[in-house]
């Protein structure tokens, strides 16, 4: 990003807010948010949905603190999904339930 303490997550959140996006899609190397690293812990639990506060309280590392705070403060939900899963981008854009939803409540609303 060229700015200290400002990551690509923060830049993505800021741009999404600036353009009035309905949702921020975060493509990663895992299929959602887990309670611990699923690659190192086979017993890791995947979350279907989380509130911003749960992400912050549990320090889940979904995004950096600035990015998740920007999303929360601007009521911008995010969906974390696996970018390597075939058809994942199409599925998330079509509103199919994939990955992990993060918003004000841990119950996803249609975005």
N, C-alpha and C. Protein backbone atom coordinates (compact mmCIF):
# COMPACT_ATOMS: atom_id res chain seq x y z
N UNK A 1 0.81 -1.20 0.00
CA UNK A 1 0.00 0.00 0.00
C UNK A 1 0.85 1.26 0.00
N UNK A 2 2.11 1.13 0.43
CA UNK A 2 3.00 2.27 0.48
C UNK A 2 2.85 3.10 1.74
N UNK A 3 1.92 2.73 2.60
CA UNK A 3 1.72 3.47 3.85
C UNK A 3 2.04 2.57 5.03
N UNK A 4 2.88 3.05 5.97
CA UNK A 4 3.18 2.23 7.14
C UNK A 4 1.91 1.97 7.95
N UNK A 5 1.82 0.78 8.52
CA UNK A 5 0.69 0.36 9.36
C UNK A 5 -0.63 0.28 8.59
N UNK A 6 -0.57 0.30 7.28
CA UNK A 6 -1.77 0.24 6.46
C UNK A 6 -1.61 -0.91 5.49
N UNK A 7 -2.26 -2.02 5.78
CA UNK A 7 -2.08 -3.25 5.00
C UNK A 7 -3.00 -3.29 3.79
N UNK A 8 -2.86 -4.33 3.00
CA UNK A 8 -3.76 -4.51 1.86
C UNK A 8 -5.19 -4.76 2.35
N UNK A 9 -5.35 -5.39 3.52
CA UNK A 9 -6.69 -5.55 4.10
C UNK A 9 -7.32 -4.19 4.38
N UNK A 10 -6.55 -3.30 4.98
CA UNK A 10 -7.05 -1.95 5.29
C UNK A 10 -7.40 -1.21 4.00
N UNK A 11 -6.54 -1.33 3.01
CA UNK A 11 -6.79 -0.66 1.73
C UNK A 11 -8.07 -1.20 1.09
N UNK A 12 -8.26 -2.51 1.12
CA UNK A 12 -9.46 -3.11 0.53
C UNK A 12 -10.71 -2.63 1.25
N UNK A 13 -10.66 -2.59 2.58
CA UNK A 13 -11.81 -2.13 3.36
C UNK A 13 -12.12 -0.67 3.04
N UNK A 14 -11.09 0.16 3.01
CA UNK A 14 -11.28 1.58 2.72
C UNK A 14 -11.87 1.79 1.33
N UNK A 15 -11.36 1.10 0.33
CA UNK A 15 -11.87 1.26 -1.03
C UNK A 15 -13.32 0.77 -1.12
N UNK A 16 -13.63 -0.34 -0.46
CA UNK A 16 -15.00 -0.86 -0.47
C UNK A 16 -15.96 0.16 0.13
N UNK A 17 -15.53 0.81 1.20
CA UNK A 17 -16.36 1.84 1.84
C UNK A 17 -16.52 3.04 0.91
N UNK A 18 -15.42 3.44 0.29
CA UNK A 18 -15.46 4.61 -0.61
C UNK A 18 -16.41 4.41 -1.79
N UNK A 19 -16.48 3.21 -2.31
CA UNK A 19 -17.35 2.97 -3.47
C UNK A 19 -18.76 2.54 -3.06
N UNK A 20 -19.00 2.43 -1.77
CA UNK A 20 -20.33 2.04 -1.30
C UNK A 20 -20.66 0.59 -1.54
N UNK A 21 -19.66 -0.28 -1.46
CA UNK A 21 -19.88 -1.71 -1.68
C UNK A 21 -20.85 -2.28 -0.64
N UNK A 22 -21.60 -3.29 -1.05
CA UNK A 22 -22.53 -3.96 -0.14
C UNK A 22 -21.83 -4.97 0.75
N UNK A 23 -20.69 -5.48 0.28
CA UNK A 23 -19.96 -6.52 1.00
C UNK A 23 -18.50 -6.49 0.55
N UNK A 24 -17.61 -6.90 1.42
CA UNK A 24 -16.19 -7.05 1.09
C UNK A 24 -15.89 -8.54 1.00
N UNK A 25 -15.39 -8.97 -0.14
CA UNK A 25 -15.04 -10.38 -0.35
C UNK A 25 -13.55 -10.55 -0.12
N UNK A 26 -13.20 -11.41 0.83
CA UNK A 26 -11.79 -11.65 1.14
C UNK A 26 -11.44 -13.08 0.71
N UNK A 27 -10.72 -13.17 -0.38
CA UNK A 27 -10.28 -14.47 -0.90
C UNK A 27 -8.98 -14.85 -0.21
N UNK A 28 -8.93 -16.05 0.36
CA UNK A 28 -7.75 -16.51 1.11
C UNK A 28 -7.36 -17.92 0.66
N UNK A 29 -6.49 -18.53 1.43
CA UNK A 29 -6.02 -19.88 1.12
C UNK A 29 -6.75 -20.95 1.93
N UNK A 30 -7.72 -20.53 2.75
CA UNK A 30 -8.55 -21.48 3.50
C UNK A 30 -10.01 -21.13 3.23
N UNK A 31 -10.90 -22.07 3.53
CA UNK A 31 -12.30 -21.90 3.14
C UNK A 31 -13.17 -21.15 4.15
N UNK A 32 -12.55 -20.31 4.96
CA UNK A 32 -13.29 -19.53 5.93
C UNK A 32 -12.43 -19.20 7.13
N UNK A 33 -13.10 -18.82 8.22
CA UNK A 33 -12.42 -18.46 9.46
C UNK A 33 -12.53 -19.63 10.43
N UNK A 34 -11.42 -19.95 11.04
CA UNK A 34 -11.34 -21.06 11.99
C UNK A 34 -10.91 -20.56 13.37
N UNK A 35 -11.17 -21.39 14.39
CA UNK A 35 -10.75 -21.02 15.74
C UNK A 35 -9.24 -21.14 15.93
N UNK A 36 -8.60 -21.91 15.05
CA UNK A 36 -7.13 -22.03 15.03
C UNK A 36 -6.72 -22.46 13.64
N UNK A 37 -5.45 -22.42 13.37
CA UNK A 37 -4.94 -22.72 12.02
C UNK A 37 -5.32 -24.14 11.61
N UNK A 38 -6.19 -24.28 10.59
CA UNK A 38 -6.63 -25.62 10.19
C UNK A 38 -5.53 -26.44 9.54
N UNK A 39 -4.50 -25.80 9.03
CA UNK A 39 -3.40 -26.55 8.41
C UNK A 39 -2.52 -27.21 9.48
N UNK A 40 -2.43 -26.57 10.64
CA UNK A 40 -1.62 -27.11 11.73
C UNK A 40 -2.44 -27.92 12.74
N UNK A 41 -3.76 -27.70 12.76
CA UNK A 41 -4.63 -28.35 13.74
C UNK A 41 -5.83 -28.99 13.04
N UNK A 42 -5.78 -30.30 12.82
CA UNK A 42 -6.88 -30.98 12.12
C UNK A 42 -8.22 -30.85 12.84
N UNK A 43 -8.20 -30.55 14.14
CA UNK A 43 -9.44 -30.42 14.90
C UNK A 43 -9.98 -28.98 14.91
N UNK A 44 -9.42 -28.12 14.09
CA UNK A 44 -9.86 -26.72 14.04
C UNK A 44 -11.33 -26.65 13.65
N UNK A 45 -12.05 -25.72 14.30
CA UNK A 45 -13.48 -25.54 14.04
C UNK A 45 -13.69 -24.35 13.10
N UNK A 46 -14.42 -24.60 12.03
CA UNK A 46 -14.75 -23.53 11.08
C UNK A 46 -16.01 -22.81 11.53
N UNK A 47 -15.97 -21.51 11.45
CA UNK A 47 -17.15 -20.69 11.76
C UNK A 47 -17.92 -20.42 10.47
N UNK A 48 -19.22 -20.64 10.49
CA UNK A 48 -20.06 -20.30 9.35
C UNK A 48 -20.30 -18.80 9.33
N UNK A 49 -20.44 -18.20 10.52
CA UNK A 49 -20.65 -16.76 10.63
C UNK A 49 -20.14 -16.28 11.98
N UNK A 50 -19.76 -15.01 12.01
CA UNK A 50 -19.24 -14.36 13.22
C UNK A 50 -19.68 -12.91 13.23
N UNK A 51 -19.76 -12.34 14.42
CA UNK A 51 -19.97 -10.90 14.51
C UNK A 51 -18.59 -10.23 14.54
N UNK A 52 -18.56 -8.94 14.21
CA UNK A 52 -17.30 -8.20 14.29
C UNK A 52 -16.71 -8.34 15.69
N UNK A 53 -17.60 -8.23 16.70
CA UNK A 53 -17.14 -8.27 18.09
C UNK A 53 -16.51 -9.62 18.42
N UNK A 54 -17.09 -10.70 17.91
CA UNK A 54 -16.51 -12.03 18.14
C UNK A 54 -15.12 -12.12 17.53
N UNK A 55 -14.96 -11.57 16.33
CA UNK A 55 -13.65 -11.57 15.66
C UNK A 55 -12.64 -10.82 16.52
N UNK A 56 -13.04 -9.66 17.04
CA UNK A 56 -12.14 -8.84 17.85
C UNK A 56 -11.86 -9.49 19.21
N UNK A 57 -12.91 -9.96 19.88
CA UNK A 57 -12.75 -10.56 21.22
C UNK A 57 -11.88 -11.82 21.17
N UNK A 58 -12.07 -12.63 20.14
CA UNK A 58 -11.33 -13.89 20.04
C UNK A 58 -10.00 -13.73 19.30
N UNK A 59 -9.73 -12.52 18.82
CA UNK A 59 -8.49 -12.24 18.09
C UNK A 59 -8.23 -13.27 17.00
N UNK A 60 -9.23 -13.43 16.15
CA UNK A 60 -9.19 -14.48 15.13
C UNK A 60 -8.30 -14.16 13.94
N UNK A 61 -7.87 -12.93 13.79
CA UNK A 61 -6.94 -12.60 12.72
C UNK A 61 -7.54 -12.68 11.33
N UNK A 62 -8.84 -12.44 11.24
CA UNK A 62 -9.51 -12.44 9.93
C UNK A 62 -8.87 -11.41 9.03
N UNK A 63 -8.68 -10.23 9.58
CA UNK A 63 -8.04 -9.09 8.90
C UNK A 63 -7.28 -8.34 9.99
N UNK A 64 -6.48 -7.37 9.60
CA UNK A 64 -5.81 -6.58 10.61
C UNK A 64 -6.85 -5.74 11.37
N UNK A 65 -6.46 -5.25 12.53
CA UNK A 65 -7.36 -4.52 13.41
C UNK A 65 -7.97 -3.29 12.73
N UNK A 66 -7.18 -2.54 11.97
CA UNK A 66 -7.70 -1.36 11.28
C UNK A 66 -8.78 -1.76 10.29
N UNK A 67 -8.56 -2.81 9.52
CA UNK A 67 -9.50 -3.24 8.49
C UNK A 67 -10.81 -3.71 9.11
N UNK A 68 -10.74 -4.56 10.12
CA UNK A 68 -11.97 -5.08 10.72
C UNK A 68 -12.73 -3.96 11.42
N UNK A 69 -12.01 -3.00 11.99
CA UNK A 69 -12.66 -1.86 12.63
C UNK A 69 -13.33 -0.96 11.60
N UNK A 70 -12.67 -0.74 10.46
CA UNK A 70 -13.30 0.02 9.37
C UNK A 70 -14.59 -0.66 8.91
N UNK A 71 -14.54 -1.96 8.74
CA UNK A 71 -15.73 -2.69 8.32
C UNK A 71 -16.85 -2.55 9.36
N UNK A 72 -16.50 -2.74 10.62
CA UNK A 72 -17.50 -2.62 11.69
C UNK A 72 -18.09 -1.21 11.75
N UNK A 73 -17.23 -0.22 11.76
CA UNK A 73 -17.69 1.17 11.90
C UNK A 73 -18.52 1.65 10.72
N UNK A 74 -18.39 0.98 9.58
CA UNK A 74 -19.13 1.38 8.38
C UNK A 74 -20.16 0.33 7.96
N UNK A 75 -20.44 -0.60 8.87
CA UNK A 75 -21.44 -1.64 8.63
C UNK A 75 -21.22 -2.33 7.28
N UNK A 76 -19.96 -2.69 7.04
CA UNK A 76 -19.57 -3.38 5.81
C UNK A 76 -19.32 -4.85 6.13
N UNK A 77 -20.24 -5.74 5.81
CA UNK A 77 -20.01 -7.16 6.08
C UNK A 77 -18.91 -7.71 5.18
N UNK A 78 -18.31 -8.80 5.61
CA UNK A 78 -17.32 -9.44 4.76
C UNK A 78 -17.55 -10.93 4.71
N UNK A 79 -17.11 -11.51 3.62
CA UNK A 79 -17.18 -12.95 3.44
C UNK A 79 -15.77 -13.43 3.12
N UNK A 80 -15.30 -14.35 3.95
CA UNK A 80 -13.96 -14.93 3.79
C UNK A 80 -14.14 -16.30 3.13
N UNK A 81 -13.45 -16.51 2.00
CA UNK A 81 -13.62 -17.77 1.28
C UNK A 81 -12.30 -18.19 0.64
N UNK A 82 -12.25 -19.44 0.20
CA UNK A 82 -11.06 -20.05 -0.39
C UNK A 82 -10.96 -19.69 -1.88
N UNK A 83 -9.93 -18.93 -2.22
CA UNK A 83 -9.77 -18.51 -3.61
C UNK A 83 -9.34 -19.66 -4.52
N UNK A 84 -8.83 -20.75 -3.95
CA UNK A 84 -8.38 -21.88 -4.77
C UNK A 84 -9.46 -22.91 -5.03
N UNK A 85 -10.60 -22.76 -4.40
CA UNK A 85 -11.70 -23.70 -4.61
C UNK A 85 -12.35 -23.40 -5.96
N UNK A 86 -12.40 -24.38 -6.85
CA UNK A 86 -13.01 -24.13 -8.17
C UNK A 86 -14.45 -23.61 -8.03
N UNK A 87 -14.74 -22.53 -8.75
CA UNK A 87 -16.07 -21.95 -8.74
C UNK A 87 -16.40 -21.09 -7.54
N UNK A 88 -15.45 -20.90 -6.64
CA UNK A 88 -15.72 -20.16 -5.40
C UNK A 88 -16.12 -18.71 -5.66
N UNK A 89 -15.43 -18.04 -6.56
CA UNK A 89 -15.75 -16.64 -6.84
C UNK A 89 -17.18 -16.53 -7.38
N UNK A 90 -17.52 -17.40 -8.32
CA UNK A 90 -18.87 -17.38 -8.87
C UNK A 90 -19.90 -17.68 -7.78
N UNK A 91 -19.61 -18.66 -6.93
CA UNK A 91 -20.54 -19.03 -5.86
C UNK A 91 -20.78 -17.87 -4.90
N UNK A 92 -19.73 -17.21 -4.48
CA UNK A 92 -19.90 -16.12 -3.51
C UNK A 92 -20.62 -14.94 -4.16
N UNK A 93 -20.33 -14.65 -5.40
CA UNK A 93 -21.01 -13.55 -6.10
C UNK A 93 -22.49 -13.87 -6.31
N UNK A 94 -22.81 -15.14 -6.52
CA UNK A 94 -24.20 -15.55 -6.70
C UNK A 94 -24.95 -15.65 -5.37
N UNK A 95 -24.26 -15.39 -4.25
CA UNK A 95 -24.92 -15.40 -2.96
C UNK A 95 -25.02 -16.76 -2.30
N UNK A 96 -24.31 -17.73 -2.85
CA UNK A 96 -24.32 -19.06 -2.23
C UNK A 96 -23.57 -19.00 -0.91
N UNK A 97 -23.97 -19.84 0.01
CA UNK A 97 -23.37 -19.84 1.34
C UNK A 97 -22.04 -20.60 1.33
N UNK A 98 -20.96 -19.86 1.19
CA UNK A 98 -19.63 -20.46 1.26
C UNK A 98 -18.80 -19.61 2.20
N UNK A 99 -17.73 -20.19 2.69
CA UNK A 99 -16.82 -19.43 3.55
C UNK A 99 -17.43 -19.05 4.88
N UNK A 100 -16.98 -17.90 5.41
CA UNK A 100 -17.46 -17.39 6.68
C UNK A 100 -17.95 -15.97 6.49
N UNK A 101 -19.13 -15.69 7.00
CA UNK A 101 -19.72 -14.35 6.98
C UNK A 101 -19.35 -13.64 8.27
N UNK A 102 -18.95 -12.36 8.16
CA UNK A 102 -18.67 -11.53 9.34
C UNK A 102 -19.49 -10.25 9.21
N UNK A 103 -20.26 -9.93 10.24
CA UNK A 103 -21.10 -8.74 10.23
C UNK A 103 -21.47 -8.34 11.65
N UNK A 104 -22.48 -7.47 11.81
CA UNK A 104 -22.87 -7.02 13.14
C UNK A 104 -23.41 -8.15 13.99
N UNK A 105 -24.17 -9.04 13.38
CA UNK A 105 -24.62 -10.21 14.12
C UNK A 105 -23.96 -11.41 13.47
N UNK A 106 -23.97 -12.51 14.16
CA UNK A 106 -23.34 -13.68 13.57
C UNK A 106 -24.32 -14.44 12.67
N UNK A 107 -25.46 -13.83 12.38
CA UNK A 107 -26.42 -14.40 11.43
C UNK A 107 -26.35 -13.61 10.14
N UNK A 108 -25.91 -14.23 9.06
CA UNK A 108 -25.79 -13.49 7.80
C UNK A 108 -27.15 -13.06 7.25
N UNK A 109 -27.16 -11.86 6.73
CA UNK A 109 -28.33 -11.36 6.03
C UNK A 109 -28.00 -11.46 4.55
N UNK A 110 -28.99 -11.46 3.72
CA UNK A 110 -28.76 -11.51 2.27
C UNK A 110 -28.05 -10.23 1.85
N UNK A 111 -26.86 -10.35 1.28
CA UNK A 111 -26.11 -9.16 0.83
C UNK A 111 -26.08 -9.09 -0.67
